[in-house]
């Protein structure tokens, strides 16, 4: 399906209206007619990110079939970021990105893209420390871990998600001294609660993804050891280690 000139004009008008914030919306088809449904961006940082208001998404669904997810890239290329590519895969819907103020548009669709474990960009909720853990377990151990909804900076909002949910995801606590490959090290980093998880790779190495950094393999020592609070092991690994 090709975007109509009218839809493109509506997308650009919305991007201009919201500039320098990121605009977001949906392309909907009803009775064979294509239209653009402007949505509210409820991200914490609307200058660099977008989250479509769930109420707006529901309203758009009531209006017809959603066939495109749209957002703007103010002052930067309309080419998708790594977070955009991963989010497109999760949505299973083609995406449209418009640069404003140039009006240049880029369209792409799900192709099976998977972010690399090392060197991926950080986008909370899409490519963060728990996303890395989930992707590692899927790639290396063929284990699908549960995902959990999480607000930006949840650790500062009286939430303790790692501690509350590791058992639900199939993990049990083990002594730090008995840590083995594939175990998860839960850390407390500049937070009142545990807020970071890393995969132990063996040989005193961890794989982790910190906010503002690319995912990386690091030595488990110094500040990382001091930040460690709990080590958890997936139940499948308990069975194979006996």
Protein backbone atom coordinates (compact mmCIF):
# COMPACT_ATOMS: atom_id res chain seq x y z
CA UNK A 1 0.00 0.00 0.00
CA UNK A 2 1.40 3.35 -1.06
CA UNK A 3 0.86 6.42 1.10
CA UNK A 4 -1.42 8.94 -0.58
CA UNK A 5 -0.37 12.55 -1.09
CA UNK A 6 -3.10 13.57 1.33
CA UNK A 7 -1.76 11.22 4.03
CA UNK A 8 1.81 12.43 3.53
CA UNK A 9 0.64 16.03 3.79
CA UNK A 10 -1.19 15.25 7.05
CA UNK A 11 1.90 13.51 8.47
CA UNK A 12 4.11 16.47 7.60
CA UNK A 13 1.61 18.95 9.03
CA UNK A 14 1.59 17.04 12.32
CA UNK A 15 5.40 16.88 12.39
CA UNK A 16 5.54 20.63 11.81
CA UNK A 17 2.98 21.30 14.55
CA UNK A 18 4.88 19.22 17.14
CA UNK A 19 8.37 20.36 16.11
CA UNK A 20 10.90 20.26 17.82
CA UNK A 21 9.15 17.40 19.66
CA UNK A 22 8.71 14.01 18.03
CA UNK A 23 5.26 13.63 16.52
CA UNK A 24 3.61 10.22 16.34
CA UNK A 25 0.52 8.80 14.74
CA UNK A 26 -1.09 5.99 12.78
CA UNK A 27 -2.23 5.44 9.23
CA UNK A 28 -5.68 3.85 9.18
CA UNK A 29 -7.79 2.36 6.39
CA UNK A 30 -11.56 2.27 6.62
CA UNK A 31 -13.89 1.36 3.76
CA UNK A 32 -10.92 1.46 1.41
CA UNK A 33 -10.01 5.02 2.36
CA UNK A 34 -6.65 5.96 3.87
CA UNK A 35 -6.29 8.56 6.61
CA UNK A 36 -3.74 9.76 9.15
CA UNK A 37 -4.64 9.62 12.85
CA UNK A 38 -2.50 12.02 14.91
CA UNK A 39 -1.65 10.66 18.37
CA UNK A 40 -0.30 12.08 21.61
CA UNK A 41 3.35 11.38 22.42
CA UNK A 42 3.51 10.36 26.09
CA UNK A 43 7.27 9.63 26.27
CA UNK A 44 9.18 11.20 29.16
CA UNK A 45 11.54 12.86 26.68
CA UNK A 46 9.45 13.87 23.69
CA UNK A 47 12.40 15.62 22.04
CA UNK A 48 14.15 12.30 21.37
CA UNK A 49 11.60 9.51 21.80
CA UNK A 50 7.96 8.69 21.28
CA UNK A 51 5.35 6.48 22.89
CA UNK A 52 1.88 6.50 21.37
CA UNK A 53 -0.85 7.12 23.93
CA UNK A 54 -2.64 3.76 24.33
CA UNK A 55 -6.01 5.52 24.37
CA UNK A 56 -5.24 7.08 20.99
CA UNK A 57 -4.17 3.69 19.64
CA UNK A 58 -7.48 2.20 20.76
CA UNK A 59 -9.43 5.05 19.17
CA UNK A 60 -7.56 4.54 15.90
CA UNK A 61 -8.34 0.81 15.97
CA UNK A 62 -12.02 1.68 16.36
CA UNK A 63 -11.75 3.85 13.24
CA UNK A 64 -10.38 1.12 10.99
CA UNK A 65 -7.37 -1.09 10.27
CA UNK A 66 -4.00 0.29 11.39
CA UNK A 67 -1.54 -0.17 8.52
CA UNK A 68 1.36 2.14 9.47
CA UNK A 69 3.00 3.45 12.64
CA UNK A 70 4.39 6.95 12.11
CA UNK A 71 6.77 9.23 13.96
CA UNK A 72 9.05 12.15 13.20
CA UNK A 73 12.79 12.68 13.54
CA UNK A 74 13.25 16.39 14.24
CA UNK A 75 16.48 17.72 12.71
CA UNK A 76 17.94 14.29 11.96
CA UNK A 77 17.77 11.74 9.14
CA UNK A 78 14.52 9.78 8.73
CA UNK A 79 16.58 6.56 8.65
CA UNK A 80 15.48 4.22 11.50
CA UNK A 81 17.53 3.93 14.65
CA UNK A 82 18.27 0.50 16.07
CA UNK A 83 15.44 1.06 18.54
CA UNK A 84 13.10 1.86 15.64
CA UNK A 85 14.05 -1.36 13.86
CA UNK A 86 13.47 -3.49 16.94
CA UNK A 87 10.18 -1.73 17.74
CA UNK A 88 8.99 -2.25 14.16
CA UNK A 89 9.62 -5.98 14.54
CA UNK A 90 7.65 -6.03 17.79
CA UNK A 91 4.72 -4.17 16.23
CA UNK A 92 4.51 -6.42 13.12
CA UNK A 93 3.36 -3.32 11.21
CA UNK A 94 5.27 -1.23 8.64
CA UNK A 95 6.65 2.07 9.92
CA UNK A 96 7.00 5.57 8.48
CA UNK A 97 9.55 8.13 9.66
CA UNK A 98 9.47 11.76 8.55
CA UNK A 99 12.28 14.21 9.05
CA UNK A 100 11.21 17.70 9.93
CA UNK A 101 11.80 20.38 8.72
CA UNK A 102 12.88 18.78 5.40
CA UNK A 103 9.78 16.59 5.03
CA UNK A 104 11.89 13.63 3.83
CA UNK A 105 10.10 10.33 4.46
CA UNK A 106 11.45 6.80 4.95
CA UNK A 107 9.28 3.68 5.05
CA UNK A 108 10.31 0.23 6.29
CA UNK A 109 8.69 -2.96 7.49
CA UNK A 110 9.45 -5.98 9.69
CA UNK A 111 12.18 -8.15 8.16
CA UNK A 112 13.24 -10.32 11.11
CA UNK A 113 15.83 -7.85 12.37
CA UNK A 114 17.52 -8.77 15.66
CA UNK A 115 19.91 -6.35 17.37
CA UNK A 116 23.42 -7.72 18.04
CA UNK A 117 24.14 -8.68 21.62
CA UNK A 118 27.28 -6.52 21.69
CA UNK A 119 27.26 -2.93 20.42
CA UNK A 120 23.50 -2.31 20.44
CA UNK A 121 22.14 1.16 21.23
CA UNK A 122 20.21 1.82 24.45
CA UNK A 123 16.47 2.54 24.33
CA UNK A 124 14.62 1.90 27.57
CA UNK A 125 11.97 -0.79 27.26
CA UNK A 126 13.13 -1.74 23.75
CA UNK A 127 16.89 -2.18 24.06
CA UNK A 128 17.83 -2.06 27.75
CA UNK A 129 19.52 -4.38 30.23
CA UNK A 130 16.53 -6.71 30.55
CA UNK A 131 16.01 -6.79 26.77
CA UNK A 132 19.64 -7.90 26.46
CA UNK A 133 19.05 -10.67 29.00
CA UNK A 134 15.95 -11.84 27.10
CA UNK A 135 17.73 -11.77 23.74
CA UNK A 136 20.78 -13.57 25.15
CA UNK A 137 18.66 -16.36 26.59
CA UNK A 138 16.75 -16.73 23.33
CA UNK A 139 19.88 -16.76 21.15
CA UNK A 140 22.21 -18.79 23.35
CA UNK A 141 19.83 -21.09 25.25
CA UNK A 142 16.62 -21.09 23.13
CA UNK A 143 14.69 -19.89 26.20
CA UNK A 144 11.88 -17.33 25.83
CA UNK A 145 11.78 -15.22 28.99
CA UNK A 146 8.70 -13.30 30.04
CA UNK A 147 8.70 -9.59 29.33
CA UNK A 148 7.42 -7.03 31.82
CA UNK A 149 5.98 -3.54 31.37
CA UNK A 150 8.29 -0.92 32.83
CA UNK A 151 8.12 2.85 33.06
CA UNK A 152 11.12 5.04 32.45
CA UNK A 153 13.15 5.33 35.67
CA UNK A 154 10.87 2.85 37.42
CA UNK A 155 13.54 2.36 40.10
CA UNK A 156 12.93 5.94 41.26
CA UNK A 157 9.15 5.43 41.40
CA UNK A 158 8.89 3.00 44.33
CA UNK A 159 9.15 0.01 41.99
CA UNK A 160 11.50 -2.95 42.45
CA UNK A 161 10.89 -4.85 39.23
CA UNK A 162 13.88 -7.19 39.14
CA UNK A 163 13.32 -8.43 42.69
CA UNK A 164 9.54 -8.68 42.23
CA UNK A 165 9.70 -10.57 38.94
CA UNK A 166 12.78 -12.80 38.69
CA UNK A 167 10.89 -15.82 40.06
CA UNK A 168 8.03 -15.25 37.59
CA UNK A 169 10.62 -15.29 34.78
CA UNK A 170 11.85 -18.71 35.92
CA UNK A 171 14.89 -17.74 38.02
CA UNK A 172 15.91 -18.67 41.56
CA UNK A 173 18.51 -17.01 43.77
CA UNK A 174 21.90 -18.70 44.20
CA UNK A 175 24.94 -17.71 46.30
CA UNK A 176 27.21 -15.21 44.57
CA UNK A 177 30.19 -17.47 45.35
CA UNK A 178 28.57 -20.22 43.21
CA UNK A 179 27.97 -18.02 40.15
CA UNK A 180 28.20 -19.86 36.80
CA UNK A 181 27.94 -19.07 33.10
CA UNK A 182 24.48 -17.78 32.06
CA UNK A 183 23.60 -16.64 35.60
CA UNK A 184 22.21 -13.11 36.00
CA UNK A 185 23.92 -10.64 38.30
CA UNK A 186 21.42 -8.15 39.72
CA UNK A 187 22.98 -4.83 40.70
CA UNK A 188 22.08 -1.60 42.46
CA UNK A 189 23.53 1.30 40.45
CA UNK A 190 22.80 4.83 41.68
CA UNK A 191 19.37 3.70 42.83
CA UNK A 192 17.43 2.96 46.04
CA UNK A 193 16.63 -0.51 44.65
CA UNK A 194 18.19 -3.13 42.36
CA UNK A 195 17.88 -1.67 38.88
CA UNK A 196 20.40 -3.38 36.59
CA UNK A 197 21.01 -6.91 35.35
CA UNK A 198 24.03 -8.44 33.61
CA UNK A 199 24.74 -11.90 32.22
CA UNK A 200 27.72 -13.71 33.70
CA UNK A 201 29.80 -15.20 30.86
CA UNK A 202 32.37 -17.01 32.97
CA UNK A 203 36.06 -16.15 33.42
CA UNK A 204 35.07 -13.06 35.40
CA UNK A 205 33.31 -11.49 32.38
CA UNK A 206 29.80 -10.03 32.14
CA UNK A 207 27.60 -8.94 29.25
CA UNK A 208 25.56 -5.85 30.07
CA UNK A 209 23.73 -2.84 28.69
CA UNK A 210 23.88 0.38 30.69
CA UNK A 211 21.84 3.51 29.98
CA UNK A 212 23.67 5.86 27.63
CA UNK A 213 26.12 3.17 26.50
CA UNK A 214 26.33 0.47 23.87
CA UNK A 215 25.95 -3.07 25.18
CA UNK A 216 29.34 -4.53 25.99
CA UNK A 217 31.40 -7.33 27.49
CA UNK A 218 33.09 -6.08 30.68
CA UNK A 219 35.27 -7.36 33.47
CA UNK A 220 33.22 -8.22 36.53
CA UNK A 221 35.30 -6.32 39.03
CA UNK A 222 35.65 -3.04 40.88
CA UNK A 223 32.43 -1.03 40.87
CA UNK A 224 30.43 -3.79 39.20
CA UNK A 225 31.29 -6.25 41.95
CA UNK A 226 30.48 -3.68 44.59
CA UNK A 227 27.10 -3.01 42.93
CA UNK A 228 26.16 -6.72 42.83
CA UNK A 229 23.37 -7.66 45.25
CA UNK A 230 21.83 -10.92 44.03
CA UNK A 231 22.73 -13.69 41.56
CA UNK A 232 19.88 -15.66 39.99
CA UNK A 233 19.94 -18.79 37.85
CA UNK A 234 17.31 -19.99 35.41
CA UNK A 235 15.61 -23.20 36.46
CA UNK A 236 16.67 -24.93 33.24
CA UNK A 237 20.29 -24.37 34.20
CA UNK A 238 19.75 -25.81 37.66
CA UNK A 239 18.74 -29.12 36.05
CA UNK A 240 21.70 -29.24 33.67
CA UNK A 241 24.20 -28.39 36.38
CA UNK A 242 23.36 -31.41 38.56
